[in-house]
Protein backbone atom coordinates (compact mmCIF):
# COMPACT_ATOMS: atom_id res chain seq x y z
CA UNK A 1 0.00 0.00 0.00
CA UNK A 2 1.41 3.40 -0.95
CA UNK A 3 2.19 5.62 1.99
CA UNK A 4 2.80 2.78 4.44
CA UNK A 5 5.48 3.35 7.05
CA UNK A 6 7.16 0.80 9.27
CA UNK A 7 8.41 1.40 12.82
CA UNK A 8 10.27 -0.76 15.29
CA UNK A 9 10.78 -0.20 19.02
CA UNK A 10 11.16 3.44 20.07
CA UNK A 11 11.11 4.76 16.49
CA UNK A 12 7.29 4.84 16.45
CA UNK A 13 6.98 8.56 17.23
CA UNK A 14 9.71 9.68 14.85
CA UNK A 15 8.39 8.53 11.47
CA UNK A 16 7.21 12.02 10.57
CA UNK A 17 8.58 15.24 12.01
CA UNK A 18 5.93 17.16 13.94
CA UNK A 19 3.50 14.22 14.05
CA UNK A 20 2.26 12.50 17.20
CA UNK A 21 0.96 8.95 17.42
CA UNK A 22 -0.69 8.40 20.80
CA UNK A 23 -3.60 6.81 22.68
CA UNK A 24 -3.05 3.23 21.45
CA UNK A 25 -6.03 0.90 21.59
CA UNK A 26 -6.06 -2.65 22.82
CA UNK A 27 -4.11 -4.89 20.45
CA UNK A 28 -6.04 -7.69 18.77
CA UNK A 29 -4.87 -10.61 16.64
CA UNK A 30 -6.78 -11.54 13.50
CA UNK A 31 -5.35 -14.47 11.59
CA UNK A 32 -1.59 -13.95 11.45
CA UNK A 33 -1.69 -10.18 12.07
CA UNK A 34 -1.82 -8.00 15.16
CA UNK A 35 -3.85 -4.77 14.87
CA UNK A 36 -3.67 -1.53 16.87
CA UNK A 37 -5.55 1.76 16.46
CA UNK A 38 -4.28 5.14 17.71
CA UNK A 39 -4.68 8.91 17.52
CA UNK A 40 -2.48 10.63 14.92
CA UNK A 41 -2.13 14.39 14.66
CA UNK A 42 0.18 17.38 15.01
CA UNK A 43 2.81 17.18 17.74
CA UNK A 44 1.22 19.72 20.09
CA UNK A 45 -1.20 19.85 22.98
CA UNK A 46 -4.80 19.35 22.03
CA UNK A 47 -7.32 17.12 20.41
CA UNK A 48 -6.53 17.75 16.75
CA UNK A 49 -6.20 14.19 15.49
CA UNK A 50 -7.80 11.39 13.52
CA UNK A 51 -7.90 7.64 14.22
CA UNK A 52 -5.35 5.52 12.35
CA UNK A 53 -4.32 1.87 12.50
CA UNK A 54 -1.28 -0.31 12.02
CA UNK A 55 -0.59 -4.04 11.68
CA UNK A 56 2.25 -6.33 12.70
CA UNK A 57 3.09 -9.98 12.15
CA UNK A 58 5.28 -10.17 15.27
CA UNK A 59 4.08 -7.39 17.60
CA UNK A 60 7.44 -5.62 17.33
CA UNK A 61 7.59 -4.13 13.83
CA UNK A 62 4.45 -2.18 12.88
CA UNK A 63 3.25 -0.97 9.47
CA UNK A 64 0.93 2.02 9.39
CA UNK A 65 -2.00 1.07 7.15
CA UNK A 66 -3.96 4.32 7.03
CA UNK A 67 -6.70 6.39 8.53
CA UNK A 68 -9.53 4.44 10.17
CA UNK A 69 -11.85 7.35 11.08
CA UNK A 70 -11.57 10.86 9.64
CA UNK A 71 -12.88 14.14 11.01
CA UNK A 72 -16.36 15.01 9.76
CA UNK A 73 -17.40 18.15 7.89
CA UNK A 74 -17.60 21.52 9.68
CA UNK A 75 -20.47 21.70 12.13
CA UNK A 76 -20.62 17.96 12.82
CA UNK A 77 -20.13 16.63 16.36
CA UNK A 78 -16.74 15.16 15.36
CA UNK A 79 -15.53 17.91 13.01
CA UNK A 80 -12.55 19.12 15.07
CA UNK A 81 -11.01 15.85 16.19
CA UNK A 82 -11.42 12.08 16.28
CA UNK A 83 -9.16 10.51 18.92
CA UNK A 84 -8.63 7.89 21.66
CA UNK A 85 -9.86 4.92 19.60
CA UNK A 86 -10.40 1.51 21.15
CA UNK A 87 -11.50 -1.73 19.52
CA UNK A 88 -13.98 -4.37 20.60
CA UNK A 89 -14.63 -7.61 18.72
CA UNK A 90 -18.16 -8.95 19.23
CA UNK A 91 -20.61 -10.98 17.19
CA UNK A 92 -18.03 -11.41 14.40
CA UNK A 93 -17.74 -7.65 13.89
CA UNK A 94 -15.20 -4.97 14.81
CA UNK A 95 -16.51 -2.08 16.92
CA UNK A 96 -14.17 0.94 16.98
CA UNK A 97 -15.10 3.42 19.72
CA UNK A 98 -13.63 6.94 19.59
CA UNK A 99 -14.03 10.45 21.03
CA UNK A 100 -15.16 13.30 18.79
CA UNK A 101 -15.17 17.06 19.42
CA UNK A 102 -16.68 20.02 17.59
CA UNK A 103 -14.10 22.65 18.47
CA UNK A 104 -10.44 23.27 19.22
CA UNK A 105 -8.68 22.21 22.40
CA UNK A 106 -9.37 24.06 25.63
CA UNK A 107 -8.48 22.98 29.17
CA UNK A 108 -10.58 19.97 30.03
CA UNK A 109 -13.09 18.25 27.79
CA UNK A 110 -15.77 20.39 26.25
CA UNK A 111 -19.33 19.52 27.25
CA UNK A 112 -20.03 18.59 23.62
CA UNK A 113 -17.44 15.78 23.43
CA UNK A 114 -19.14 12.59 22.30
CA UNK A 115 -18.31 8.93 21.78
CA UNK A 116 -18.67 7.53 18.27
CA UNK A 117 -18.76 3.94 17.08
CA UNK A 118 -17.59 2.70 13.68
CA UNK A 119 -18.63 -0.90 12.95
CA UNK A 120 -17.16 -3.17 10.28
CA UNK A 121 -17.03 -6.81 9.24
CA UNK A 122 -13.25 -6.47 8.79
CA UNK A 123 -10.53 -4.97 11.00
CA UNK A 124 -9.40 -3.09 7.88
CA UNK A 125 -12.69 -1.21 7.73
CA UNK A 126 -15.60 -1.15 5.35
C-alpha atoms as a PDB file:
ATOM      1  CA  UNK A   1       0.000   0.000   0.000  1.00  0.00           C
ATOM      2  CA  UNK A   2       1.408   3.405  -0.954  1.00  0.00           C
ATOM      3  CA  UNK A   3       2.193   5.621   1.988  1.00  0.00           C
ATOM      4  CA  UNK A   4       2.798   2.779   4.437  1.00  0.00           C
ATOM      5  CA  UNK A   5       5.484   3.354   7.049  1.00  0.00           C
ATOM      6  CA  UNK A   6       7.159   0.800   9.273  1.00  0.00           C
ATOM      7  CA  UNK A   7       8.412   1.399  12.819  1.00  0.00           C
ATOM      8  CA  UNK A   8      10.266  -0.759  15.292  1.00  0.00           C
ATOM      9  CA  UNK A   9      10.777  -0.198  19.016  1.00  0.00           C
ATOM     10  CA  UNK A  10      11.157   3.444  20.071  1.00  0.00           C
ATOM     11  CA  UNK A  11      11.106   4.761  16.491  1.00  0.00           C
ATOM     12  CA  UNK A  12       7.288   4.839  16.445  1.00  0.00           C
ATOM     13  CA  UNK A  13       6.981   8.564  17.231  1.00  0.00           C
ATOM     14  CA  UNK A  14       9.708   9.681  14.850  1.00  0.00           C
ATOM     15  CA  UNK A  15       8.387   8.532  11.473  1.00  0.00           C
ATOM     16  CA  UNK A  16       7.206  12.024  10.570  1.00  0.00           C
ATOM     17  CA  UNK A  17       8.579  15.239  12.014  1.00  0.00           C
ATOM     18  CA  UNK A  18       5.933  17.156  13.943  1.00  0.00           C
ATOM     19  CA  UNK A  19       3.497  14.215  14.047  1.00  0.00           C
ATOM     20  CA  UNK A  20       2.255  12.503  17.197  1.00  0.00           C
ATOM     21  CA  UNK A  21       0.957   8.947  17.421  1.00  0.00           C
ATOM     22  CA  UNK A  22      -0.689   8.402  20.804  1.00  0.00           C
ATOM     23  CA  UNK A  23      -3.596   6.806  22.676  1.00  0.00           C
ATOM     24  CA  UNK A  24      -3.051   3.230  21.447  1.00  0.00           C
ATOM     25  CA  UNK A  25      -6.031   0.898  21.593  1.00  0.00           C
ATOM     26  CA  UNK A  26      -6.059  -2.652  22.817  1.00  0.00           C
ATOM     27  CA  UNK A  27      -4.109  -4.889  20.445  1.00  0.00           C
ATOM     28  CA  UNK A  28      -6.043  -7.688  18.775  1.00  0.00           C
ATOM     29  CA  UNK A  29      -4.868 -10.609  16.644  1.00  0.00           C
ATOM     30  CA  UNK A  30      -6.775 -11.536  13.502  1.00  0.00           C
ATOM     31  CA  UNK A  31      -5.349 -14.473  11.588  1.00  0.00           C
ATOM     32  CA  UNK A  32      -1.590 -13.954  11.448  1.00  0.00           C
ATOM     33  CA  UNK A  33      -1.692 -10.180  12.073  1.00  0.00           C
ATOM     34  CA  UNK A  34      -1.823  -8.000  15.157  1.00  0.00           C
ATOM     35  CA  UNK A  35      -3.849  -4.767  14.871  1.00  0.00           C
ATOM     36  CA  UNK A  36      -3.674  -1.527  16.867  1.00  0.00           C
ATOM     37  CA  UNK A  37      -5.555   1.759  16.461  1.00  0.00           C
ATOM     38  CA  UNK A  38      -4.284   5.137  17.706  1.00  0.00           C
ATOM     39  CA  UNK A  39      -4.677   8.906  17.523  1.00  0.00           C
ATOM     40  CA  UNK A  40      -2.483  10.634  14.925  1.00  0.00           C
ATOM     41  CA  UNK A  41      -2.133  14.393  14.661  1.00  0.00           C
ATOM     42  CA  UNK A  42       0.183  17.377  15.015  1.00  0.00           C
ATOM     43  CA  UNK A  43       2.813  17.178  17.741  1.00  0.00           C
ATOM     44  CA  UNK A  44       1.218  19.717  20.085  1.00  0.00           C
ATOM     45  CA  UNK A  45      -1.198  19.847  22.977  1.00  0.00           C
ATOM     46  CA  UNK A  46      -4.796  19.347  22.030  1.00  0.00           C
ATOM     47  CA  UNK A  47      -7.322  17.116  20.410  1.00  0.00           C
ATOM     48  CA  UNK A  48      -6.530  17.749  16.751  1.00  0.00           C
ATOM     49  CA  UNK A  49      -6.199  14.191  15.485  1.00  0.00           C
ATOM     50  CA  UNK A  50      -7.802  11.386  13.518  1.00  0.00           C
ATOM     51  CA  UNK A  51      -7.904   7.643  14.220  1.00  0.00           C
ATOM     52  CA  UNK A  52      -5.354   5.523  12.347  1.00  0.00           C
ATOM     53  CA  UNK A  53      -4.323   1.875  12.502  1.00  0.00           C
ATOM     54  CA  UNK A  54      -1.277  -0.313  12.018  1.00  0.00           C
ATOM     55  CA  UNK A  55      -0.589  -4.036  11.683  1.00  0.00           C
ATOM     56  CA  UNK A  56       2.252  -6.330  12.698  1.00  0.00           C
ATOM     57  CA  UNK A  57       3.091  -9.978  12.148  1.00  0.00           C
ATOM     58  CA  UNK A  58       5.281 -10.171  15.271  1.00  0.00           C
ATOM     59  CA  UNK A  59       4.081  -7.391  17.603  1.00  0.00           C
ATOM     60  CA  UNK A  60       7.435  -5.618  17.326  1.00  0.00           C
ATOM     61  CA  UNK A  61       7.591  -4.126  13.835  1.00  0.00           C
ATOM     62  CA  UNK A  62       4.454  -2.178  12.877  1.00  0.00           C
ATOM     63  CA  UNK A  63       3.249  -0.968   9.470  1.00  0.00           C
ATOM     64  CA  UNK A  64       0.926   2.017   9.388  1.00  0.00           C
ATOM     65  CA  UNK A  65      -2.001   1.071   7.154  1.00  0.00           C
ATOM     66  CA  UNK A  66      -3.964   4.316   7.035  1.00  0.00           C
ATOM     67  CA  UNK A  67      -6.703   6.391   8.535  1.00  0.00           C
ATOM     68  CA  UNK A  68      -9.531   4.441  10.171  1.00  0.00           C
ATOM     69  CA  UNK A  69     -11.853   7.347  11.076  1.00  0.00           C
ATOM     70  CA  UNK A  70     -11.571  10.863   9.640  1.00  0.00           C
ATOM     71  CA  UNK A  71     -12.884  14.144  11.005  1.00  0.00           C
ATOM     72  CA  UNK A  72     -16.362  15.013   9.764  1.00  0.00           C
ATOM     73  CA  UNK A  73     -17.397  18.148   7.885  1.00  0.00           C
ATOM     74  CA  UNK A  74     -17.599  21.515   9.677  1.00  0.00           C
ATOM     75  CA  UNK A  75     -20.474  21.701  12.129  1.00  0.00           C
ATOM     76  CA  UNK A  76     -20.621  17.964  12.822  1.00  0.00           C
ATOM     77  CA  UNK A  77     -20.134  16.629  16.359  1.00  0.00           C
ATOM     78  CA  UNK A  78     -16.741  15.164  15.356  1.00  0.00           C
ATOM     79  CA  UNK A  79     -15.532  17.911  13.007  1.00  0.00           C
ATOM     80  CA  UNK A  80     -12.549  19.125  15.072  1.00  0.00           C
ATOM     81  CA  UNK A  81     -11.007  15.848  16.187  1.00  0.00           C
ATOM     82  CA  UNK A  82     -11.416  12.077  16.284  1.00  0.00           C
ATOM     83  CA  UNK A  83      -9.164  10.507  18.920  1.00  0.00           C
ATOM     84  CA  UNK A  84      -8.631   7.887  21.665  1.00  0.00           C
ATOM     85  CA  UNK A  85      -9.861   4.920  19.600  1.00  0.00           C
ATOM     86  CA  UNK A  86     -10.399   1.508  21.146  1.00  0.00           C
ATOM     87  CA  UNK A  87     -11.497  -1.728  19.516  1.00  0.00           C
ATOM     88  CA  UNK A  88     -13.981  -4.366  20.598  1.00  0.00           C
ATOM     89  CA  UNK A  89     -14.627  -7.606  18.720  1.00  0.00           C
ATOM     90  CA  UNK A  90     -18.156  -8.951  19.231  1.00  0.00           C
ATOM     91  CA  UNK A  91     -20.613 -10.980  17.190  1.00  0.00           C
ATOM     92  CA  UNK A  92     -18.034 -11.407  14.405  1.00  0.00           C
ATOM     93  CA  UNK A  93     -17.740  -7.649  13.886  1.00  0.00           C
ATOM     94  CA  UNK A  94     -15.204  -4.970  14.806  1.00  0.00           C
ATOM     95  CA  UNK A  95     -16.508  -2.075  16.918  1.00  0.00           C
ATOM     96  CA  UNK A  96     -14.171   0.944  16.983  1.00  0.00           C
ATOM     97  CA  UNK A  97     -15.105   3.421  19.718  1.00  0.00           C
ATOM     98  CA  UNK A  98     -13.629   6.941  19.587  1.00  0.00           C
ATOM     99  CA  UNK A  99     -14.032  10.446  21.028  1.00  0.00           C
ATOM    100  CA  UNK A 100     -15.155  13.301  18.795  1.00  0.00           C
ATOM    101  CA  UNK A 101     -15.168  17.059  19.418  1.00  0.00           C
ATOM    102  CA  UNK A 102     -16.683  20.020  17.587  1.00  0.00           C
ATOM    103  CA  UNK A 103     -14.098  22.649  18.473  1.00  0.00           C
ATOM    104  CA  UNK A 104     -10.439  23.273  19.224  1.00  0.00           C
ATOM    105  CA  UNK A 105      -8.676  22.208  22.403  1.00  0.00           C
ATOM    106  CA  UNK A 106      -9.374  24.055  25.633  1.00  0.00           C
ATOM    107  CA  UNK A 107      -8.483  22.977  29.165  1.00  0.00           C
ATOM    108  CA  UNK A 108     -10.584  19.968  30.029  1.00  0.00           C
ATOM    109  CA  UNK A 109     -13.088  18.253  27.789  1.00  0.00           C
ATOM    110  CA  UNK A 110     -15.771  20.392  26.246  1.00  0.00           C
ATOM    111  CA  UNK A 111     -19.329  19.520  27.250  1.00  0.00           C
ATOM    112  CA  UNK A 112     -20.033  18.590  23.616  1.00  0.00           C
ATOM    113  CA  UNK A 113     -17.442  15.783  23.426  1.00  0.00           C
ATOM    114  CA  UNK A 114     -19.143  12.593  22.300  1.00  0.00           C
ATOM    115  CA  UNK A 115     -18.310   8.935  21.779  1.00  0.00           C
ATOM    116  CA  UNK A 116     -18.668   7.532  18.271  1.00  0.00           C
ATOM    117  CA  UNK A 117     -18.760   3.940  17.080  1.00  0.00           C
ATOM    118  CA  UNK A 118     -17.585   2.699  13.680  1.00  0.00           C
ATOM    119  CA  UNK A 119     -18.630  -0.899  12.946  1.00  0.00           C
ATOM    120  CA  UNK A 120     -17.161  -3.174  10.276  1.00  0.00           C
ATOM    121  CA  UNK A 121     -17.034  -6.810   9.242  1.00  0.00           C
ATOM    122  CA  UNK A 122     -13.252  -6.466   8.788  1.00  0.00           C
ATOM    123  CA  UNK A 123     -10.529  -4.971  11.001  1.00  0.00           C
ATOM    124  CA  UNK A 124      -9.399  -3.093   7.882  1.00  0.00           C
ATOM    125  CA  UNK A 125     -12.690  -1.208   7.730  1.00  0.00           C
ATOM    126  CA  UNK A 126     -15.602  -1.150   5.349  1.00  0.00           C
END
